Protein backbone atom coordinates (compact mmCIF):
# COMPACT_ATOMS: atom_id res chain seq x y z
CA MET A 1 95.49 134.87 139.35
CA THR A 2 98.39 136.75 140.89
CA LEU A 3 100.72 139.03 138.91
CA ARG A 4 103.47 141.34 139.97
CA ALA A 5 103.23 144.81 138.53
CA SER A 6 106.77 144.42 137.21
CA ASP A 7 105.83 141.15 135.41
CA ARG A 8 103.44 142.70 132.89
CA ASN A 9 103.21 145.96 131.08
CA ASP A 10 99.61 145.54 129.94
CA ALA A 11 97.49 148.60 130.70
CA ALA A 12 94.26 146.71 130.07
CA LEU A 13 94.96 144.24 132.87
CA LEU A 14 96.69 146.39 135.49
CA PRO A 15 96.03 149.80 136.99
CA ARG A 16 98.04 152.73 135.72
CA GLU A 17 101.78 152.34 136.22
CA ASP A 18 102.12 155.54 138.22
CA SER A 19 99.72 154.23 140.87
CA ILE A 20 101.65 150.97 141.49
CA ASN A 21 104.98 150.63 143.19
CA GLU A 22 107.34 148.24 141.42
CA GLY A 23 107.28 144.82 143.05
CA THR A 24 103.76 145.30 144.46
CA THR A 25 101.49 142.25 144.16
CA VAL A 26 98.23 142.96 142.35
CA ARG A 27 95.34 140.46 142.49
CA LEU A 28 92.86 140.45 139.67
CA PHE A 29 89.38 139.24 140.63
CA PRO A 30 86.43 138.76 138.31
CA HIS A 31 83.57 141.16 138.70
CA ALA A 32 81.15 140.02 141.42
CA ASN A 33 78.28 139.69 138.95
CA THR A 34 80.10 137.45 136.48
CA SER A 35 80.59 133.72 136.63
CA SER A 36 84.12 132.40 136.83
CA ARG A 37 83.06 129.45 134.66
CA ARG A 38 82.96 129.92 130.94
CA PRO A 39 80.04 128.34 129.10
CA GLU A 40 80.90 124.97 127.62
CA PRO A 41 80.97 125.02 123.82
CA ALA A 42 78.19 122.94 122.32
CA GLN A 43 79.45 119.43 121.70
CA LYS A 44 79.15 118.38 118.09
CA SER A 45 77.61 114.99 117.36
CA TYR A 46 77.92 112.84 114.28
CA TRP A 47 75.14 110.79 112.72
CA LEU A 48 74.79 108.03 110.18
CA ALA A 49 71.46 108.16 108.34
CA VAL A 50 70.11 105.46 106.05
CA ALA A 51 68.09 106.05 102.88
CA SER A 52 68.07 104.95 99.27
CA ALA A 53 70.55 106.73 97.00
CA GLU A 54 67.68 108.15 94.96
CA HIS A 55 66.20 109.85 98.04
CA VAL A 56 69.59 111.10 99.27
CA ARG A 57 70.42 112.58 95.87
CA HIS A 58 67.14 114.49 95.91
CA GLY A 59 67.90 115.83 99.40
CA ARG A 60 71.42 116.87 98.39
CA GLU A 61 70.08 118.70 95.35
CA HIS A 62 67.65 120.69 97.51
CA GLY A 63 69.79 121.09 100.66
CA PHE A 64 67.82 119.02 103.17
CA MET A 65 67.73 115.66 104.92
CA GLN A 66 64.91 113.50 106.20
CA VAL A 67 64.93 110.11 107.91
CA ASN A 68 62.53 107.30 108.77
CA HIS A 69 60.03 108.24 106.06
CA GLY A 70 59.76 111.83 107.32
CA LYS A 71 59.34 111.26 111.07
CA GLN A 72 60.10 114.26 113.28
CA GLY A 73 61.42 112.43 116.38
CA PRO A 74 64.82 111.35 115.05
CA LEU A 75 65.46 114.81 113.56
CA LYS A 76 64.97 116.43 116.98
CA ARG A 77 68.07 114.61 118.27
CA ILE A 78 70.22 116.32 115.63
CA LYS A 79 71.55 119.79 116.47
CA PRO A 80 72.88 122.60 114.25
CA GLY A 81 76.53 121.96 113.40
CA ASP A 82 76.26 118.17 113.76
CA GLY A 83 77.85 116.06 111.04
CA ILE A 84 75.65 113.84 108.86
CA VAL A 85 76.70 110.92 106.67
CA TYR A 86 74.19 109.04 104.54
CA TYR A 87 74.57 105.36 103.80
CA SER A 88 72.49 103.94 100.96
CA PRO A 89 72.03 100.16 100.85
CA SER A 90 70.26 100.43 97.47
CA VAL A 91 69.69 102.89 94.65
CA LYS A 92 65.88 102.73 94.89
CA MET A 93 63.91 102.20 98.08
CA GLY A 94 63.04 98.55 98.63
CA GLU A 95 65.34 97.13 95.95
CA LYS A 96 68.08 94.61 96.70
CA ASP A 97 70.73 95.83 94.28
CA SER A 98 73.71 95.74 96.73
CA PHE A 99 74.57 99.39 96.04
CA GLN A 100 75.97 99.79 99.62
CA SER A 101 77.61 103.22 99.40
CA PHE A 102 78.04 106.40 101.39
CA THR A 103 76.09 108.89 99.33
CA ALA A 104 76.31 112.25 101.16
CA ILE A 105 78.22 114.03 103.90
CA GLY A 106 77.56 117.45 105.40
CA PHE A 107 76.70 119.60 108.40
CA VAL A 108 73.28 120.55 109.78
CA ARG A 109 72.29 124.21 109.41
CA GLU A 110 70.69 126.38 112.08
CA GLY A 111 66.99 125.84 112.60
CA GLU A 112 64.56 123.21 113.76
CA PRO A 113 62.93 120.34 111.87
CA TYR A 114 60.16 121.63 109.63
CA LEU A 115 57.20 120.07 107.85
CA ALA A 116 57.45 119.94 104.05
CA GLN A 117 55.04 118.83 101.35
CA MET A 118 56.04 115.78 99.32
CA GLY A 119 54.32 114.13 96.39
CA CYS A 120 52.91 111.41 98.67
CA GLY A 121 52.15 113.55 101.75
CA LYS A 122 54.14 115.53 104.31
CA ALA A 123 57.52 114.84 105.92
CA TYR A 124 59.79 116.51 108.46
CA ARG A 125 63.16 117.74 107.22
CA ARG A 126 66.27 119.57 108.37
CA ASP A 127 68.43 121.82 106.24
CA VAL A 128 71.99 120.62 105.62
CA ASP A 129 75.08 122.12 103.99
CA TRP A 130 76.18 119.16 101.87
CA LEU A 131 79.83 118.87 100.89
CA ASP A 132 80.56 118.46 97.21
CA ALA A 133 81.76 114.87 97.55
CA PRO A 134 81.31 111.84 95.28
CA GLU A 135 79.61 108.68 96.51
CA GLN A 136 81.93 106.13 98.11
CA PRO A 137 81.34 102.34 98.13
CA LEU A 138 81.34 100.77 101.60
CA ARG A 139 83.17 97.50 100.88
CA PRO A 140 86.72 98.95 100.49
CA LEU A 141 86.28 100.71 103.86
CA LEU A 142 85.08 97.79 106.00
CA GLY A 143 88.38 97.29 107.85
CA TRP A 144 88.94 101.03 108.29
CA LEU A 145 85.76 102.19 110.02
CA ASP A 146 85.23 101.67 113.75
CA PHE A 147 81.49 101.14 113.40
CA THR A 148 82.02 98.13 111.07
CA GLN A 149 84.31 96.28 113.50
CA ASP A 150 81.33 94.56 115.16
CA LYS A 151 80.25 91.66 112.93
CA ASN A 152 76.57 92.73 113.27
CA TRP A 153 77.17 96.40 112.42
CA GLY A 154 74.46 96.41 109.75
CA TYR A 155 71.80 95.45 112.30
CA ARG A 156 72.08 98.90 113.94
CA LEU A 157 71.23 100.61 110.65
CA ARG A 158 67.64 99.36 110.73
CA PHE A 159 66.78 102.35 112.96
CA GLY A 160 67.49 104.75 110.07
CA LEU A 161 69.56 107.18 112.19
CA VAL A 162 72.36 106.14 114.54
CA ALA A 163 75.10 107.97 116.41
CA PHE A 164 78.38 107.85 114.51
CA GLY A 165 81.91 108.29 115.83
CA GLN A 166 83.85 111.47 115.15
CA SER A 167 86.88 109.51 113.87
CA ASP A 168 84.71 107.60 111.39
CA PHE A 169 83.07 110.84 110.23
CA GLU A 170 86.43 112.57 109.73
CA PHE A 171 87.81 109.53 107.90
CA LEU A 172 84.82 109.44 105.54
CA GLU A 173 85.01 113.20 105.02
CA GLU A 174 88.68 112.87 104.09
CA ILE A 175 88.03 109.91 101.76
CA MET A 176 85.01 111.45 100.06
CA MET A 177 86.99 114.63 99.39
CA SER A 178 90.10 112.89 97.96
CA GLU A 179 91.33 109.54 96.63
CA LEU A 180 90.82 106.45 98.81
CA GLU A 181 94.28 104.94 98.30
CA VAL A 182 96.01 108.25 99.05
CA VAL A 183 94.09 108.58 102.32
CA LYS A 184 94.80 104.97 103.32
CA GLN A 185 98.55 105.46 102.72
CA ARG A 186 98.53 108.72 104.69
CA ARG A 187 96.73 107.03 107.61
CA LEU A 188 99.11 104.06 107.62
CA GLN A 189 102.14 106.36 107.77
CA ALA A 190 100.73 108.44 110.64
């Protein structure tokens, strides 16, 4: 970076004014022991998790998430600050009640997956800051979400935790925090 002493009057960047002649070129170099590259900010990821509404509601109430019946592996892929959306195909695990709703949205807290005691054994969990958002049925959103554009989108959900696009996450966050029709109108006008 090259500055002329007459270009700036910032004492923090340039030597004292009385030691520079006006019009002199001053080159500012980083200290030899510092890197000229700044560290990249951690990239945030977004995830869609699948669980029954009953299980998600319990996790929201107690500030945690778990996936795949408490397996640790999927939770290791999630990092602090990542966005989480839960989709619940049914109210109770194993039932075919066509509930099909987004039941929670939030952001992962600092920390690693931890082992917790459940009534039927132990399961790995992660702490999450859940947003105070109502559940949102999936059907009215089918044409609006990128991940549902593929006709076999539901097939991916069998893994219990899948990567989710930032635009879909932000759209769901906006919808779950306000009225669906208002958001749709706002998006159409943009």
